[in-house]
N, C-alpha and C. Protein backbone atom coordinates (compact mmCIF):
# COMPACT_ATOMS: atom_id res chain seq x y z
N MET A 1 0.86 -1.19 0.00
CA MET A 1 0.00 0.00 0.00
C MET A 1 0.89 1.24 0.00
N SER A 2 0.73 2.04 -0.98
CA SER A 2 1.57 3.22 -1.11
C SER A 2 0.96 4.40 -0.35
N GLU A 3 1.71 4.95 0.55
CA GLU A 3 1.27 6.14 1.27
C GLU A 3 1.51 7.35 0.38
N LYS A 4 0.77 8.42 0.65
CA LYS A 4 0.90 9.63 -0.14
C LYS A 4 1.27 10.76 0.83
N ALA A 5 2.00 11.71 0.32
CA ALA A 5 2.36 12.87 1.14
C ALA A 5 1.10 13.61 1.57
N ILE A 6 1.14 14.18 2.76
CA ILE A 6 0.03 14.96 3.28
C ILE A 6 0.02 16.31 2.54
N THR A 7 -1.15 16.71 2.06
CA THR A 7 -1.28 18.03 1.45
C THR A 7 -1.43 19.04 2.58
N LEU A 8 -0.43 19.89 2.73
CA LEU A 8 -0.46 20.89 3.80
C LEU A 8 -1.12 22.17 3.32
N THR A 9 -1.89 22.78 4.21
CA THR A 9 -2.61 24.02 3.90
C THR A 9 -2.44 24.96 5.10
N GLU A 10 -2.92 26.18 4.95
CA GLU A 10 -2.88 27.12 6.07
C GLU A 10 -3.68 26.56 7.25
N GLU A 11 -4.74 25.78 6.94
CA GLU A 11 -5.61 25.25 7.99
C GLU A 11 -4.95 24.14 8.80
N ASN A 12 -4.19 23.25 8.17
CA ASN A 12 -3.67 22.08 8.91
C ASN A 12 -2.17 22.15 9.20
N PHE A 13 -1.48 23.18 8.73
CA PHE A 13 -0.01 23.23 8.83
C PHE A 13 0.49 23.11 10.27
N LYS A 14 -0.03 23.94 11.17
CA LYS A 14 0.46 23.96 12.56
C LYS A 14 0.16 22.64 13.25
N THR A 15 -0.99 22.04 12.95
CA THR A 15 -1.37 20.77 13.57
C THR A 15 -0.41 19.67 13.15
N VAL A 16 -0.15 19.58 11.84
CA VAL A 16 0.72 18.52 11.32
C VAL A 16 2.15 18.72 11.79
N THR A 17 2.67 19.94 11.67
CA THR A 17 4.09 20.19 11.99
C THR A 17 4.34 20.31 13.49
N GLY A 18 3.28 20.40 14.30
CA GLY A 18 3.44 20.48 15.75
C GLY A 18 3.69 19.14 16.39
N SER A 19 3.71 18.09 15.60
CA SER A 19 3.89 16.73 16.10
C SER A 19 5.29 16.54 16.67
N ASP A 20 5.41 15.60 17.65
CA ASP A 20 6.75 15.28 18.16
C ASP A 20 7.43 14.25 17.26
N THR A 21 6.72 13.82 16.22
CA THR A 21 7.30 12.98 15.17
C THR A 21 7.86 13.92 14.11
N PRO A 22 9.04 13.66 13.56
CA PRO A 22 9.57 14.55 12.52
C PRO A 22 8.63 14.64 11.31
N VAL A 23 8.55 15.85 10.76
CA VAL A 23 7.72 16.09 9.57
C VAL A 23 8.60 16.73 8.51
N LEU A 24 8.68 16.08 7.34
CA LEU A 24 9.38 16.68 6.21
C LEU A 24 8.35 17.51 5.46
N VAL A 25 8.64 18.79 5.26
CA VAL A 25 7.73 19.69 4.54
C VAL A 25 8.41 20.13 3.24
N ASP A 26 7.78 19.77 2.13
CA ASP A 26 8.27 20.14 0.81
C ASP A 26 7.50 21.37 0.34
N PHE A 27 8.18 22.52 0.24
CA PHE A 27 7.57 23.74 -0.29
C PHE A 27 7.76 23.73 -1.80
N TRP A 28 6.66 23.81 -2.56
CA TRP A 28 6.71 23.65 -4.00
C TRP A 28 5.65 24.53 -4.69
N ALA A 29 5.67 24.53 -6.02
CA ALA A 29 4.63 25.19 -6.82
C ALA A 29 4.49 24.45 -8.15
N THR A 30 3.32 24.53 -8.74
CA THR A 30 3.04 23.80 -9.99
C THR A 30 3.94 24.25 -11.13
N TRP A 31 4.36 25.51 -11.13
CA TRP A 31 5.16 26.07 -12.23
C TRP A 31 6.67 25.83 -12.07
N CYS A 32 7.06 25.18 -10.97
CA CYS A 32 8.48 25.02 -10.64
C CYS A 32 9.03 23.70 -11.18
N GLY A 33 9.90 23.79 -12.18
CA GLY A 33 10.50 22.61 -12.79
C GLY A 33 11.28 21.75 -11.82
N PRO A 34 12.21 22.34 -11.05
CA PRO A 34 12.95 21.54 -10.07
C PRO A 34 12.04 20.85 -9.04
N CYS A 35 10.92 21.50 -8.70
CA CYS A 35 9.97 20.90 -7.76
C CYS A 35 9.40 19.60 -8.32
N LYS A 36 9.16 19.60 -9.63
CA LYS A 36 8.63 18.40 -10.28
C LYS A 36 9.66 17.27 -10.25
N MET A 37 10.95 17.62 -10.28
CA MET A 37 12.01 16.60 -10.18
C MET A 37 12.06 16.01 -8.77
N VAL A 38 11.85 16.83 -7.78
CA VAL A 38 11.94 16.41 -6.38
C VAL A 38 10.70 15.61 -5.94
N SER A 39 9.56 15.91 -6.52
CA SER A 39 8.29 15.33 -6.08
C SER A 39 8.28 13.80 -5.97
N PRO A 40 8.72 13.06 -7.00
CA PRO A 40 8.71 11.60 -6.85
C PRO A 40 9.67 11.09 -5.77
N VAL A 41 10.75 11.82 -5.54
CA VAL A 41 11.70 11.45 -4.49
C VAL A 41 11.02 11.61 -3.13
N ILE A 42 10.34 12.73 -2.94
CA ILE A 42 9.62 12.99 -1.69
C ILE A 42 8.54 11.92 -1.49
N ASP A 43 7.79 11.61 -2.56
CA ASP A 43 6.73 10.59 -2.48
C ASP A 43 7.31 9.24 -2.07
N SER A 44 8.49 8.91 -2.56
CA SER A 44 9.08 7.60 -2.24
C SER A 44 9.44 7.49 -0.76
N LEU A 45 9.60 8.62 -0.08
CA LEU A 45 9.93 8.60 1.34
C LEU A 45 8.71 8.27 2.21
N CYS A 46 7.51 8.46 1.66
CA CYS A 46 6.29 8.22 2.43
C CYS A 46 6.21 6.79 2.94
N ASP A 47 6.43 5.82 2.03
CA ASP A 47 6.37 4.41 2.42
C ASP A 47 7.50 4.09 3.39
N GLU A 48 8.67 4.59 3.07
CA GLU A 48 9.87 4.26 3.83
C GLU A 48 9.78 4.70 5.30
N TYR A 49 9.15 5.85 5.54
CA TYR A 49 9.11 6.39 6.90
C TYR A 49 7.72 6.32 7.52
N GLU A 50 6.84 5.51 6.94
CA GLU A 50 5.49 5.35 7.49
C GLU A 50 5.57 4.93 8.95
N GLY A 51 4.88 5.67 9.81
CA GLY A 51 4.90 5.35 11.24
C GLY A 51 6.07 5.97 12.00
N LYS A 52 7.08 6.45 11.28
CA LYS A 52 8.26 7.03 11.93
C LYS A 52 8.34 8.54 11.74
N ALA A 53 7.94 9.00 10.56
CA ALA A 53 7.97 10.43 10.23
C ALA A 53 6.82 10.71 9.27
N SER A 54 6.38 11.96 9.23
CA SER A 54 5.34 12.36 8.28
C SER A 54 5.98 13.13 7.14
N ILE A 55 5.38 13.00 5.96
CA ILE A 55 5.87 13.70 4.77
C ILE A 55 4.73 14.57 4.26
N GLY A 56 5.00 15.86 4.13
CA GLY A 56 3.96 16.79 3.68
C GLY A 56 4.46 17.69 2.57
N LYS A 57 3.49 18.18 1.78
CA LYS A 57 3.81 19.11 0.70
C LYS A 57 2.94 20.35 0.84
N LEU A 58 3.58 21.50 0.70
CA LEU A 58 2.86 22.76 0.79
C LEU A 58 3.07 23.55 -0.49
N ASN A 59 1.96 23.83 -1.19
CA ASN A 59 2.01 24.63 -2.40
C ASN A 59 2.12 26.11 -1.99
N VAL A 60 3.24 26.75 -2.32
CA VAL A 60 3.49 28.13 -1.87
C VAL A 60 2.50 29.12 -2.48
N ASP A 61 1.93 28.79 -3.64
CA ASP A 61 0.94 29.68 -4.26
C ASP A 61 -0.40 29.62 -3.53
N ASP A 62 -0.70 28.44 -2.96
CA ASP A 62 -1.96 28.27 -2.22
C ASP A 62 -1.85 28.73 -0.78
N SER A 63 -0.64 28.75 -0.24
CA SER A 63 -0.42 29.11 1.17
C SER A 63 0.74 30.09 1.32
N PRO A 64 0.61 31.28 0.71
CA PRO A 64 1.72 32.23 0.73
C PRO A 64 2.10 32.71 2.13
N ASN A 65 1.13 32.75 3.06
CA ASN A 65 1.44 33.24 4.41
C ASN A 65 2.42 32.32 5.13
N ILE A 66 2.27 31.02 4.93
CA ILE A 66 3.19 30.07 5.58
C ILE A 66 4.57 30.18 4.94
N ALA A 67 4.60 30.26 3.61
CA ALA A 67 5.89 30.41 2.92
C ALA A 67 6.60 31.67 3.43
N GLU A 68 5.85 32.75 3.63
CA GLU A 68 6.43 33.99 4.12
C GLU A 68 6.90 33.84 5.58
N GLU A 69 6.08 33.19 6.39
CA GLU A 69 6.43 33.01 7.81
C GLU A 69 7.74 32.24 7.98
N TYR A 70 7.97 31.27 7.10
CA TYR A 70 9.19 30.46 7.19
C TYR A 70 10.29 30.96 6.24
N LYS A 71 10.07 32.17 5.71
CA LYS A 71 11.07 32.85 4.86
C LYS A 71 11.55 31.98 3.70
N ILE A 72 10.58 31.35 3.02
CA ILE A 72 10.90 30.52 1.86
C ILE A 72 11.10 31.45 0.67
N MET A 73 12.34 31.58 0.22
CA MET A 73 12.68 32.48 -0.87
C MET A 73 12.85 31.73 -2.19
N SER A 74 13.24 30.47 -2.12
CA SER A 74 13.47 29.65 -3.31
C SER A 74 12.76 28.32 -3.12
N ILE A 75 12.28 27.77 -4.21
CA ILE A 75 11.70 26.43 -4.14
C ILE A 75 12.37 25.56 -5.19
N PRO A 76 12.48 24.27 -4.96
CA PRO A 76 11.98 23.60 -3.77
C PRO A 76 12.84 23.89 -2.54
N THR A 77 12.14 24.03 -1.41
CA THR A 77 12.80 24.07 -0.11
C THR A 77 12.16 22.98 0.73
N VAL A 78 12.97 22.22 1.42
CA VAL A 78 12.48 21.18 2.31
C VAL A 78 12.89 21.53 3.73
N LEU A 79 11.90 21.54 4.63
CA LEU A 79 12.17 21.75 6.04
C LEU A 79 11.88 20.44 6.77
N ILE A 80 12.67 20.16 7.79
CA ILE A 80 12.35 19.07 8.71
C ILE A 80 11.89 19.78 9.98
N MET A 81 10.67 19.46 10.42
CA MET A 81 10.10 20.11 11.60
C MET A 81 9.78 19.07 12.66
N LYS A 82 9.91 19.49 13.91
CA LYS A 82 9.59 18.63 15.04
C LYS A 82 9.08 19.54 16.15
N ASN A 83 7.93 19.20 16.71
CA ASN A 83 7.32 20.03 17.76
C ASN A 83 7.15 21.49 17.31
N GLY A 84 6.85 21.68 16.03
CA GLY A 84 6.60 23.02 15.50
C GLY A 84 7.84 23.83 15.20
N GLU A 85 9.02 23.26 15.43
CA GLU A 85 10.28 23.96 15.20
C GLU A 85 11.01 23.39 13.98
N VAL A 86 11.68 24.27 13.23
CA VAL A 86 12.50 23.82 12.11
C VAL A 86 13.80 23.26 12.66
N VAL A 87 14.10 21.99 12.35
CA VAL A 87 15.35 21.39 12.84
C VAL A 87 16.37 21.18 11.72
N ASP A 88 15.90 21.27 10.46
CA ASP A 88 16.82 21.15 9.33
C ASP A 88 16.17 21.78 8.11
N LYS A 89 17.02 22.17 7.15
CA LYS A 89 16.52 22.85 5.96
C LYS A 89 17.42 22.55 4.77
N ALA A 90 16.81 22.32 3.61
CA ALA A 90 17.57 22.12 2.37
C ALA A 90 16.88 22.92 1.26
N VAL A 91 17.66 23.71 0.54
CA VAL A 91 17.12 24.50 -0.56
C VAL A 91 17.64 23.94 -1.87
N GLY A 92 16.75 23.79 -2.83
CA GLY A 92 17.15 23.28 -4.14
C GLY A 92 16.98 21.77 -4.22
N VAL A 93 17.30 21.23 -5.37
CA VAL A 93 17.16 19.79 -5.60
C VAL A 93 18.24 19.04 -4.85
N ARG A 94 17.83 18.03 -4.09
CA ARG A 94 18.75 17.20 -3.33
C ARG A 94 18.48 15.74 -3.68
N THR A 95 19.39 14.89 -3.28
CA THR A 95 19.22 13.46 -3.55
C THR A 95 18.31 12.84 -2.47
N LYS A 96 17.77 11.70 -2.79
CA LYS A 96 16.95 10.97 -1.81
C LYS A 96 17.77 10.71 -0.54
N GLU A 97 19.03 10.37 -0.71
CA GLU A 97 19.90 10.09 0.43
C GLU A 97 20.05 11.31 1.34
N GLU A 98 20.11 12.49 0.75
CA GLU A 98 20.23 13.70 1.56
C GLU A 98 18.96 13.92 2.39
N TYR A 99 17.78 13.69 1.76
CA TYR A 99 16.53 13.84 2.50
C TYR A 99 16.43 12.77 3.59
N GLN A 100 16.85 11.55 3.27
CA GLN A 100 16.83 10.47 4.27
C GLN A 100 17.71 10.83 5.46
N SER A 101 18.88 11.38 5.20
CA SER A 101 19.81 11.76 6.25
C SER A 101 19.19 12.83 7.15
N MET A 102 18.48 13.79 6.55
CA MET A 102 17.83 14.84 7.31
C MET A 102 16.76 14.25 8.25
N ILE A 103 15.98 13.31 7.73
CA ILE A 103 14.94 12.67 8.53
C ILE A 103 15.57 11.85 9.66
N GLU A 104 16.59 11.08 9.30
CA GLU A 104 17.25 10.20 10.29
C GLU A 104 17.81 11.03 11.46
N LYS A 105 18.38 12.19 11.16
CA LYS A 105 18.94 13.03 12.21
C LYS A 105 17.86 13.49 13.18
N ALA A 106 16.64 13.68 12.66
CA ALA A 106 15.53 14.19 13.48
C ALA A 106 14.80 13.10 14.24
N LEU A 107 15.02 11.84 13.86
CA LEU A 107 14.29 10.75 14.53
C LEU A 107 14.78 10.51 15.95
């Protein structure tokens, strides 16, 4: 059974990222080419970390206030959050291994 990334919105963002379980947040937009490259990599992490970490995606065009609050200037940007705090950040296209390493550090 393939898990899917949580669609993050202004309504559910604080609830999801406030968890004591690490949450990977992928900031993206439909018009962003590099974001499209990262998307399948992020999706592949859902199954791998099921029950250990949450994987979410936030469309910056749909939720500009959150992007502004976290000072997202470039996309894709991936944040690792735990208890509502940013514990790690990666800007630009990264490898699956780099994202895995970020999650593992937060576990």
